[in-house]
Amino acid sequence: LIETIDSVQAGLFGNVVEKIFIAELQKISGETEQKIAAVGVIKILTEGPAMLNENYVKFWAPLLDALVHMFEESVDTSTPQDEHFIEIEDTPGYTTAFNQLVF
């Protein structure tokens, strides 16, 4: 991935990491989306040998820090204790009806 992005323009992956990954990682919401982003960032950090080159090693620690902050600052979206059940009156648009079929 790193080599592919850098083949377009030298040093472009550094801009992507700095401007998108590090700056925007905390804005990801949703448990599944956070897990997907975390797996991608972890793979970049651990399986990308280019991340340890002199051009990109300066982004390694800030990217890891952004990943940790994403999980530390995630919003608790659990339901409050008193809102586990839906009230019957709150179900809009459903009424029972009977129609006899004619053959």
Protein backbone atom coordinates (compact mmCIF):
# COMPACT_ATOMS: atom_id res chain seq x y z
CA LEU A 1 0.00 0.00 0.00
CA ILE A 2 2.71 2.45 0.97
CA GLU A 3 4.73 1.78 -2.18
CA THR A 4 1.60 2.04 -4.35
CA ILE A 5 0.67 5.45 -2.97
CA ASP A 6 4.26 6.65 -3.23
CA SER A 7 4.41 5.50 -6.86
CA VAL A 8 1.88 8.23 -7.68
CA GLN A 9 4.02 10.92 -6.04
CA ALA A 10 7.07 10.62 -3.82
CA GLY A 11 6.17 11.27 -0.18
CA LEU A 12 2.43 11.22 -0.79
CA PHE A 13 1.84 8.47 1.78
CA GLY A 14 3.30 10.74 4.48
CA ASN A 15 0.71 13.38 3.61
CA VAL A 16 -2.08 10.78 3.73
CA VAL A 17 -0.97 9.54 7.14
CA GLU A 18 -0.57 13.04 8.56
CA LYS A 19 -3.67 14.71 7.11
CA ILE A 20 -6.12 11.80 7.09
CA PHE A 21 -5.12 9.02 9.46
CA ILE A 22 -3.67 11.01 12.35
CA ALA A 23 -6.02 13.99 12.08
CA GLU A 24 -9.29 12.17 11.39
CA LEU A 25 -8.96 8.84 13.22
CA GLN A 26 -10.71 10.12 16.36
CA LYS A 27 -13.77 11.11 14.33
CA ILE A 28 -14.65 7.52 13.42
CA SER A 29 -17.84 6.45 15.16
CA GLY A 30 -19.44 3.06 15.43
CA GLU A 31 -17.92 -0.02 16.98
CA THR A 32 -17.56 -1.94 13.72
CA GLU A 33 -16.06 1.04 11.88
CA GLN A 34 -13.55 1.60 14.69
CA LYS A 35 -12.51 -2.05 14.59
CA ILE A 36 -12.02 -1.91 10.81
CA ALA A 37 -9.95 1.26 11.07
CA ALA A 38 -7.92 -0.20 13.93
CA VAL A 39 -7.06 -3.34 11.96
CA GLY A 40 -5.98 -1.23 8.99
CA VAL A 41 -3.80 1.09 11.07
CA ILE A 42 -2.26 -1.83 12.97
CA LYS A 43 -1.43 -3.55 9.67
CA ILE A 44 0.20 -0.35 8.39
CA LEU A 45 2.21 0.00 11.60
CA THR A 46 3.34 -3.61 11.85
CA GLU A 47 3.40 -5.03 8.32
CA GLY A 48 4.55 -1.97 6.38
CA PRO A 49 8.35 -2.05 6.30
CA ALA A 50 8.32 1.36 4.63
CA MET A 51 6.91 2.82 7.88
CA LEU A 52 10.34 2.26 9.42
CA ASN A 53 12.16 4.11 6.63
CA GLU A 54 13.63 7.51 7.40
CA ASN A 55 10.81 9.23 5.47
CA TYR A 56 7.95 7.77 7.51
CA VAL A 57 9.38 6.74 10.88
CA LYS A 58 8.37 10.15 12.25
CA PHE A 59 4.70 9.21 11.68
CA TRP A 60 4.88 5.84 13.50
CA ALA A 61 4.45 7.13 17.08
CA PRO A 62 1.78 9.78 16.26
CA LEU A 63 -0.21 7.18 14.32
CA LEU A 64 -0.08 4.75 17.23
CA ASP A 65 -1.07 7.58 19.59
CA ALA A 66 -4.05 8.45 17.37
CA LEU A 67 -5.10 4.79 17.40
CA VAL A 68 -4.96 4.61 21.19
CA HIS A 69 -6.90 7.88 21.54
CA MET A 70 -9.59 6.56 19.20
CA PHE A 71 -10.41 3.82 21.69
CA GLU A 72 -9.89 5.90 24.82
CA GLU A 73 -12.22 8.65 23.68
CA SER A 74 -14.90 6.49 22.10
CA VAL A 75 -18.42 7.54 23.00
CA ASP A 76 -20.48 5.22 25.18
CA THR A 77 -23.65 4.55 23.19
CA SER A 78 -25.16 1.99 25.51
CA THR A 79 -28.84 2.34 26.31
CA PRO A 80 -29.76 3.94 29.61
CA GLN A 81 -31.14 1.64 32.30
CA ASP A 82 -34.73 2.79 31.89
CA GLU A 83 -34.92 2.56 28.06
CA HIS A 84 -34.67 -1.17 27.39
CA PHE A 85 -38.26 -1.70 26.26
CA ILE A 86 -40.30 -0.05 23.53
CA GLU A 87 -43.67 1.29 24.58
CA ILE A 88 -46.61 -0.10 22.63
CA GLU A 89 -47.84 3.41 21.88
CA ASP A 90 -44.46 4.28 20.34
CA THR A 91 -44.76 1.85 17.41
CA PRO A 92 -46.00 4.05 14.55
CA GLY A 93 -48.15 2.95 11.67
CA TYR A 94 -49.13 -0.58 12.62
CA THR A 95 -52.75 -1.55 12.88
CA THR A 96 -54.35 -4.95 12.66
CA ALA A 97 -56.90 -5.58 9.93
CA PHE A 98 -58.80 -8.57 8.57
CA ASN A 99 -59.76 -9.08 4.95
CA GLN A 100 -61.47 -12.25 3.77
CA LEU A 101 -60.03 -13.65 0.57
CA VAL A 102 -62.47 -14.28 -2.28
CA PHE A 103 -61.89 -17.25 -4.59
